[in-house]
Amino acid sequence: MNVSGHCHIFFAFDVGYAVDLDRAGQRLAAVRRGGTFRHPRRAPAGDGDRVPPLRVSQTLEPIRLSPEVAVEAVDASLYDFGGACVTYRIPVSCGIEELVGLSDLLYDNRALLEDARRRIEKLLAAVRDAVEKPALSTISEDYVIFDLDPMEGIENLWGEHAGILSRILRAEPAALSAQEVSDATGCRISYGPRDAAVIDWCAAVLIGDDTEDEREVLEFATVELLQLRQLDKLLDAAIDSAFALLSRRRRWFSAFTGKADALRRVARMQAEYAVVYEGVNSAMKLMGDQYLARMYATVSKRFHVGEWEAGIERKLSVLGSIHDRLSGIDANHRMEMLEWIIILLIAFEIVIYFLE
């Protein structure tokens, strides 16, 4: 089976708490603001309050990954909730078996990752004043999409060629077990008889005439996963810091200063991370497009987004519990010191009475 189309490689990063896209657009040249979903299918008009990303065309010096594979285009995206993504595009025209080698080549590709990080560093430097608390994350998230033209006998992909398709999705050069093949190719959806989307945790295969909306959903899901991973990491550090404040040895003069600074610090961390989480969680608004909503639900399941969100909510709750505990300790300490002051004042009055 011969296939043709393009391969898209995403590299997602976190660049800060939030991005003012209007101000960022003024700082950059050759900017194209991402629009709403194009909806080649019938769907409700508009996408509600969804804020589309800022897409930046990038110049590309030749990047040859192998004698046969070369990157032909690259662009970058900025999201208002602090995410960023670099997308590389590679033309594809070969037998389907050759995509296995391409998938293996692109898996954890250090050359592309380093190039993407350099591009985001330059982009962040150009729009730093439009980013709240700018800082490029040390972690990243990558994802590969094989965007193929429509083909006859599309069902053969998960039938006769299921073994090859699973190796493409898992970037696995060796043959996989029947159970692994079934799991890799199990998440697939389609709208018409000549289009389909097969989604896995490492890569996806899209087939159709116009898959721009589907690619945008997958790009957002990749950035969202990176944001959740970054937020989870920050919350781990925040909990450690808050627990250190909770465990700090109490000194006698702390009754007068209290734990006000510690309380404010923990409350600020909880509020900031809750705002970031809500920003990421509410960024994708599909407004009734059932096909894209099903696709987003499928990729979220593959990325275990629900588990990440549950973990983040639990850690936010832990921060809240530590704040409440610090507040209770501070109140008890103040009451103790007030009791001692009252006792000392009574003793002082007694001593003064007898002296007089």
Protein backbone atom coordinates (compact mmCIF):
# COMPACT_ATOMS: atom_id res chain seq x y z
CA MET A 1 0.00 0.00 0.00
CA ASN A 2 1.44 3.37 -1.07
CA VAL A 3 0.66 6.53 0.90
CA SER A 4 1.27 10.25 0.44
CA GLY A 5 0.82 13.38 2.52
CA HIS A 6 2.79 15.01 5.31
CA CYS A 7 4.19 14.19 8.70
CA HIS A 8 3.80 16.81 11.45
CA ILE A 9 5.95 16.76 14.59
CA PHE A 10 4.88 18.80 17.65
CA PHE A 11 7.19 19.95 20.45
CA ALA A 12 5.31 21.62 23.30
CA PHE A 13 6.82 23.83 26.04
CA ASP A 14 5.66 26.00 28.90
CA VAL A 15 6.83 29.63 28.69
CA GLY A 16 5.06 31.30 31.63
CA TYR A 17 1.82 31.73 33.56
CA ALA A 18 -0.03 33.57 30.80
CA VAL A 19 0.59 35.31 27.47
CA ASP A 20 -1.00 38.53 26.25
CA LEU A 21 -1.46 37.43 22.63
CA ASP A 22 -2.35 40.92 21.37
CA ARG A 23 0.84 42.42 22.81
CA ALA A 24 2.89 39.43 21.65
CA GLY A 25 1.52 39.85 18.13
CA GLN A 26 2.75 43.45 18.08
CA ARG A 27 6.28 42.30 18.96
CA LEU A 28 6.56 39.73 16.18
CA ALA A 29 6.75 39.94 12.41
CA ALA A 30 4.93 37.65 9.98
CA VAL A 31 2.27 36.69 12.50
CA ARG A 32 -0.95 34.91 11.60
CA ARG A 33 -3.58 34.72 14.33
CA GLY A 34 -5.08 31.24 14.44
CA GLY A 35 -8.76 31.37 13.59
CA THR A 36 -11.68 29.34 14.80
CA PHE A 37 -12.15 25.77 13.62
CA ARG A 38 -12.86 25.63 9.90
CA HIS A 39 -15.60 22.98 10.28
CA PRO A 40 -15.52 21.26 6.86
CA ARG A 41 -18.37 19.18 8.30
CA ARG A 42 -21.71 20.60 9.39
CA ALA A 43 -21.37 22.05 12.88
CA PRO A 44 -22.66 24.98 14.95
CA ALA A 45 -21.21 28.33 13.89
CA GLY A 46 -18.50 29.83 16.08
CA ASP A 47 -16.40 28.42 18.90
CA GLY A 48 -17.72 30.47 21.81
CA ASP A 49 -15.13 32.18 23.97
CA ARG A 50 -12.27 29.99 22.79
CA VAL A 51 -9.06 32.03 22.37
CA PRO A 52 -7.17 30.73 19.32
CA PRO A 53 -3.37 30.56 19.51
CA LEU A 54 -0.98 33.01 17.90
CA ARG A 55 0.78 31.29 14.99
CA VAL A 56 4.20 32.53 13.94
CA SER A 57 5.79 31.63 10.62
CA GLN A 58 9.46 30.70 11.05
CA THR A 59 12.40 30.73 8.68
CA LEU A 60 13.92 27.32 8.22
CA GLU A 61 17.53 26.45 7.68
CA PRO A 62 17.92 23.02 6.09
CA ILE A 63 17.29 20.23 8.61
CA ARG A 64 18.09 16.82 7.17
CA LEU A 65 17.33 14.01 9.57
CA SER A 66 18.61 11.33 7.18
CA PRO A 67 19.59 11.14 3.50
CA GLU A 68 15.92 10.51 2.65
CA VAL A 69 14.16 12.67 5.29
CA ALA A 70 14.26 16.48 5.35
CA VAL A 71 12.07 19.05 7.13
CA GLU A 72 10.39 21.39 4.64
CA ALA A 73 8.57 23.86 6.94
CA VAL A 74 8.26 24.94 10.56
CA ASP A 75 6.05 27.31 12.54
CA ALA A 76 5.37 28.10 16.19
CA SER A 77 2.24 28.72 18.26
CA LEU A 78 1.65 30.67 21.46
CA TYR A 79 -1.34 29.98 23.71
CA ASP A 80 -2.83 32.49 26.12
CA PHE A 81 -2.46 30.09 29.08
CA GLY A 82 1.35 30.02 28.73
CA GLY A 83 1.86 27.11 26.35
CA ALA A 84 3.95 27.11 23.19
CA CYS A 85 4.40 24.61 20.39
CA VAL A 86 6.84 24.22 17.50
CA THR A 87 5.56 22.22 14.51
CA TYR A 88 7.78 20.66 11.85
CA ARG A 89 6.45 19.34 8.54
CA ILE A 90 7.97 16.56 6.45
CA PRO A 91 6.58 15.45 3.04
CA VAL A 92 5.62 11.79 2.78
CA SER A 93 5.32 9.66 -0.36
CA CYS A 94 6.27 6.03 0.06
CA GLY A 95 5.05 2.56 0.90
CA ILE A 96 3.27 2.27 4.22
CA GLU A 97 6.02 -0.02 5.53
CA GLU A 98 8.55 2.83 5.21
CA LEU A 99 6.55 4.92 7.71
CA VAL A 100 7.70 2.50 10.42
CA GLY A 101 11.31 3.64 9.90
CA LEU A 102 10.25 7.29 9.79
CA SER A 103 8.31 6.93 13.03
CA ASP A 104 11.31 5.29 14.70
CA LEU A 105 13.57 8.09 13.43
CA LEU A 106 11.30 10.79 14.83
CA TYR A 107 10.81 9.19 18.24
CA ASP A 108 12.65 11.25 20.87
CA ASN A 109 14.64 13.00 18.12
CA ARG A 110 17.25 15.11 19.92
CA ALA A 111 18.15 17.24 16.88
CA LEU A 112 14.57 18.44 16.41
CA LEU A 113 14.05 18.89 20.16
CA GLU A 114 17.15 21.09 20.50
CA ASP A 115 16.16 23.11 17.43
CA ALA A 116 12.63 23.56 18.82
CA ARG A 117 13.97 24.69 22.20
CA ARG A 118 16.22 27.28 20.52
CA ARG A 119 13.28 28.61 18.53
CA ILE A 120 11.11 28.94 21.63
CA GLU A 121 13.96 30.66 23.51
CA LYS A 122 14.21 33.26 20.73
CA LEU A 123 10.43 33.64 20.60
CA LEU A 124 10.23 34.09 24.37
CA ALA A 125 12.99 36.70 24.28
CA ALA A 126 11.03 38.66 21.66
CA VAL A 127 7.74 38.66 23.60
CA ARG A 128 9.02 38.56 27.20
CA ASP A 129 7.13 41.71 28.19
CA ALA A 130 3.88 40.08 27.00
CA VAL A 131 4.39 36.98 29.19
CA GLU A 132 3.50 36.83 32.86
CA LYS A 133 6.39 35.28 34.84
CA PRO A 134 8.30 34.19 31.73
CA ALA A 135 10.31 30.98 32.15
CA LEU A 136 10.96 28.22 29.64
CA SER A 137 10.16 24.80 31.06
CA THR A 138 12.89 22.18 31.32
CA ILE A 139 10.42 19.48 30.29
CA SER A 140 8.79 19.17 26.87
CA GLU A 141 6.22 17.00 25.14
CA ASP A 142 6.42 15.73 21.56
CA TYR A 143 3.84 14.10 19.30
CA VAL A 144 3.86 12.88 15.70
CA ILE A 145 0.99 13.03 13.21
CA PHE A 146 0.99 11.18 9.89
CA ASP A 147 -1.44 13.23 7.82
CA LEU A 148 -2.23 11.09 4.76
CA ASP A 149 -4.33 11.67 1.67
CA PRO A 150 -7.59 9.71 1.22
CA MET A 151 -7.09 6.14 0.02
CA GLU A 152 -9.18 3.25 -1.22
CA GLY A 153 -9.69 0.34 1.14
CA ILE A 154 -9.04 2.49 4.20
CA GLU A 155 -10.34 -0.27 6.48
CA ASN A 156 -7.34 -2.40 5.49
CA LEU A 157 -5.20 -0.16 7.68
CA TRP A 158 -6.63 -1.68 10.86
CA GLY A 159 -7.35 -4.97 9.14
CA GLU A 160 -4.73 -6.43 6.84
CA HIS A 161 -2.10 -3.80 7.73
CA ALA A 162 -2.92 -3.52 11.45
CA GLY A 163 0.50 -4.85 12.44
CA ILE A 164 2.29 -2.19 10.40
CA LEU A 165 -0.07 0.55 11.59
CA SER A 166 0.56 -0.35 15.25
CA ARG A 167 4.34 -0.19 14.72
CA ILE A 168 3.94 3.26 13.14
CA LEU A 169 1.86 4.46 16.08
CA ARG A 170 4.23 3.02 18.69
CA ALA A 171 7.47 3.88 16.82
CA GLU A 172 8.43 0.24 17.18
CA PRO A 173 10.72 -1.32 14.52
CA ALA A 174 10.02 -4.88 15.72
CA ALA A 175 6.76 -6.80 15.36
CA LEU A 176 4.22 -6.42 18.17
CA SER A 177 1.98 -8.96 19.86
CA ALA A 178 -1.67 -9.33 18.84
CA GLN A 179 -2.72 -7.73 22.13
CA GLU A 180 -0.45 -4.72 21.57
CA VAL A 181 -1.66 -4.36 17.97
CA SER A 182 -5.26 -4.34 19.15
CA ASP A 183 -4.52 -1.74 21.84
CA ALA A 184 -2.51 0.55 19.52
CA THR A 185 -5.18 0.61 16.79
CA GLY A 186 -8.22 0.51 19.08
CA CYS A 187 -8.82 4.28 19.39
CA ARG A 188 -10.08 5.35 15.99
CA ILE A 189 -12.92 7.52 14.77
CA SER A 190 -14.15 8.59 11.34
CA TYR A 191 -16.72 10.92 9.86
CA GLY A 192 -16.95 9.65 6.29
CA PRO A 193 -16.03 6.44 4.45
CA ARG A 194 -12.75 7.92 3.13
CA ASP A 195 -11.43 9.58 6.30
CA ALA A 196 -10.29 8.31 9.69
CA ALA A 197 -8.22 9.20 12.73
CA VAL A 198 -6.29 6.49 14.57
CA ILE A 199 -4.93 7.93 17.82
CA ASP A 200 -2.32 6.53 20.16
CA TRP A 201 -0.18 8.02 22.97
CA CYS A 202 2.95 8.40 20.79
CA ALA A 203 1.53 9.25 17.38
CA ALA A 204 -1.64 9.51 15.33
CA VAL A 205 -2.58 8.72 11.74
CA LEU A 206 -5.06 11.08 10.07
CA ILE A 207 -6.57 10.30 6.68
CA GLY A 208 -8.70 12.79 4.76
CA ASP A 209 -8.82 15.74 2.39
CA ASP A 210 -8.93 18.44 5.08
CA THR A 211 -7.60 17.54 8.53
CA GLU A 212 -6.58 20.99 9.79
CA ASP A 213 -9.19 20.98 12.58
CA GLU A 214 -8.10 17.51 13.71
CA ARG A 215 -4.44 18.58 13.78
CA GLU A 216 -5.35 21.63 15.84
CA VAL A 217 -7.18 19.47 18.38
CA LEU A 218 -4.17 17.14 18.63
CA GLU A 219 -1.80 20.10 18.96
CA PHE A 220 -3.85 21.56 21.78
CA ALA A 221 -4.02 18.19 23.54
CA THR A 222 -0.22 17.90 23.34
CA VAL A 223 0.25 21.41 24.79
CA GLU A 224 -2.37 20.69 27.44
CA LEU A 225 -0.55 17.51 28.50
CA LEU A 226 2.71 19.44 28.79
CA GLN A 227 1.00 22.14 30.86
CA LEU A 228 -0.47 19.52 33.20
CA ARG A 229 2.92 17.85 33.61
CA GLN A 230 4.57 21.20 34.32
CA LEU A 231 1.85 22.19 36.78
CA ASP A 232 2.14 18.83 38.53
CA LYS A 233 5.89 19.41 38.90
CA LEU A 234 5.36 22.92 40.29
CA LEU A 235 2.77 21.65 42.74
CA ASP A 236 5.19 18.99 44.02
CA ALA A 237 7.73 21.73 44.74
CA ALA A 238 5.05 23.95 46.30
CA ILE A 239 3.87 21.15 48.62
CA ASP A 240 7.46 20.45 49.71
CA SER A 241 7.98 24.16 50.40
CA ALA A 242 4.67 24.46 52.27
CA PHE A 243 5.40 21.36 54.33
CA ALA A 244 8.79 22.82 55.27
CA LEU A 245 6.98 25.94 56.54
CA LEU A 246 4.60 23.72 58.49
CA SER A 247 7.47 21.77 60.03
CA ARG A 248 9.58 24.82 60.86
CA ARG A 249 10.48 25.09 64.54
CA ARG A 250 8.32 27.58 66.43
CA ARG A 251 10.08 30.38 68.28
CA TRP A 252 8.68 32.46 71.12
CA PHE A 253 8.61 35.74 69.19
CA SER A 254 6.62 34.16 66.36
CA ALA A 255 3.50 34.92 68.36
CA PHE A 256 3.95 38.58 67.51
CA THR A 257 4.91 38.12 63.88
CA GLY A 258 2.84 34.94 63.49
CA LYS A 259 2.99 32.84 60.33
CA ALA A 260 1.50 35.62 58.22
CA ASP A 261 4.27 35.48 55.63
CA ALA A 262 4.02 31.69 55.39
CA LEU A 263 0.25 31.85 55.13
CA ARG A 264 0.39 34.47 52.39
CA ARG A 265 2.99 32.43 50.49
CA VAL A 266 0.98 29.21 50.61
CA ALA A 267 -2.26 31.02 49.74
CA ARG A 268 -0.55 32.74 46.81
CA MET A 269 0.82 29.46 45.48
CA GLN A 270 -2.58 27.80 45.77
CA ALA A 271 -4.35 30.68 44.03
CA GLU A 272 -1.77 31.02 41.24
CA TYR A 273 -1.73 27.33 40.38
CA ALA A 274 -5.51 27.09 40.59
CA VAL A 275 -5.80 29.94 38.07
CA VAL A 276 -3.26 28.28 35.75
CA TYR A 277 -5.13 24.97 35.99
CA GLU A 278 -8.47 26.58 35.21
CA GLY A 279 -6.92 28.44 32.27
CA VAL A 280 -5.64 25.21 30.73
CA ASN A 281 -8.77 23.26 31.59
CA SER A 282 -11.14 25.73 29.93
CA ALA A 283 -9.02 26.60 26.87
CA MET A 284 -10.66 24.11 24.51
CA LYS A 285 -14.29 24.96 23.79
CA LEU A 286 -15.72 22.89 20.94
CA MET A 287 -19.27 24.27 21.20
CA GLY A 288 -21.23 21.25 20.05
CA ASP A 289 -18.98 19.98 17.26
CA GLN A 290 -19.61 16.35 18.13
CA TYR A 291 -16.90 14.91 15.89
CA LEU A 292 -14.13 17.13 17.25
CA ALA A 293 -15.47 16.64 20.77
CA ARG A 294 -15.28 12.87 20.31
CA MET A 295 -11.76 13.22 18.95
CA TYR A 296 -10.67 15.38 21.89
CA ALA A 297 -12.20 12.87 24.32
CA THR A 298 -10.32 10.05 22.57
CA VAL A 299 -6.93 11.73 22.68
CA SER A 300 -7.53 12.86 26.28
CA LYS A 301 -8.15 9.24 27.21
CA ARG A 302 -4.96 8.16 25.45
CA PHE A 303 -2.97 10.91 27.22
CA HIS A 304 -4.56 10.03 30.62
CA VAL A 305 -5.58 13.66 31.01
CA GLY A 306 -8.25 12.68 33.55
CA GLU A 307 -5.64 11.08 35.80
CA TRP A 308 -3.36 14.13 35.53
CA GLU A 309 -6.25 16.44 36.38
CA ALA A 310 -7.27 14.30 39.36
CA GLY A 311 -3.70 14.38 40.66
CA ILE A 312 -3.48 18.16 40.27
CA GLU A 313 -6.81 18.70 42.02
CA ARG A 314 -5.64 16.46 44.86
CA LYS A 315 -2.39 18.43 45.23
CA LEU A 316 -4.26 21.73 45.19
CA SER A 317 -6.42 20.30 47.98
CA VAL A 318 -3.26 19.32 49.91
CA LEU A 319 -1.99 22.90 49.60
CA GLY A 320 -5.32 24.12 50.95
CA SER A 321 -5.08 21.69 53.88
CA ILE A 322 -1.57 22.89 54.70
CA HIS A 323 -2.79 26.49 54.57
CA ASP A 324 -5.64 25.65 56.97
CA ARG A 325 -3.22 23.83 59.27
CA LEU A 326 -0.80 26.77 59.28
CA SER A 327 -3.69 29.12 60.02
CA GLY A 328 -4.85 26.94 62.90
CA ILE A 329 -1.36 26.70 64.38
CA ASP A 330 -0.94 30.45 64.09
CA ALA A 331 -4.28 31.08 65.84
CA ASN A 332 -3.51 28.62 68.65
CA HIS A 333 -0.07 30.14 69.15
CA ARG A 334 -1.53 33.61 69.42
CA MET A 335 -4.11 32.43 71.94
CA GLU A 336 -1.39 30.82 74.04
CA MET A 337 0.69 33.97 74.02
CA LEU A 338 -2.35 36.10 74.88
CA GLU A 339 -3.08 33.83 77.84
CA TRP A 340 0.51 34.21 79.07
CA ILE A 341 0.32 37.99 78.66
CA ILE A 342 -2.90 38.07 80.68
CA ILE A 343 -1.29 35.93 83.40
CA LEU A 344 1.78 38.18 83.49
CA LEU A 345 -0.39 41.31 83.68
CA ILE A 346 -2.37 39.85 86.60
CA ALA A 347 0.87 38.89 88.35
CA PHE A 348 2.24 42.38 87.71
CA GLU A 349 -0.89 43.95 89.21
CA ILE A 350 -0.59 41.76 92.29
CA VAL A 351 3.07 42.64 92.76
CA ILE A 352 2.34 46.36 92.35
CA TYR A 353 -0.54 46.09 94.88
CA PHE A 354 1.69 44.57 97.57
CA LEU A 355 4.54 46.94 96.86
CA GLU A 356 2.25 49.90 97.32
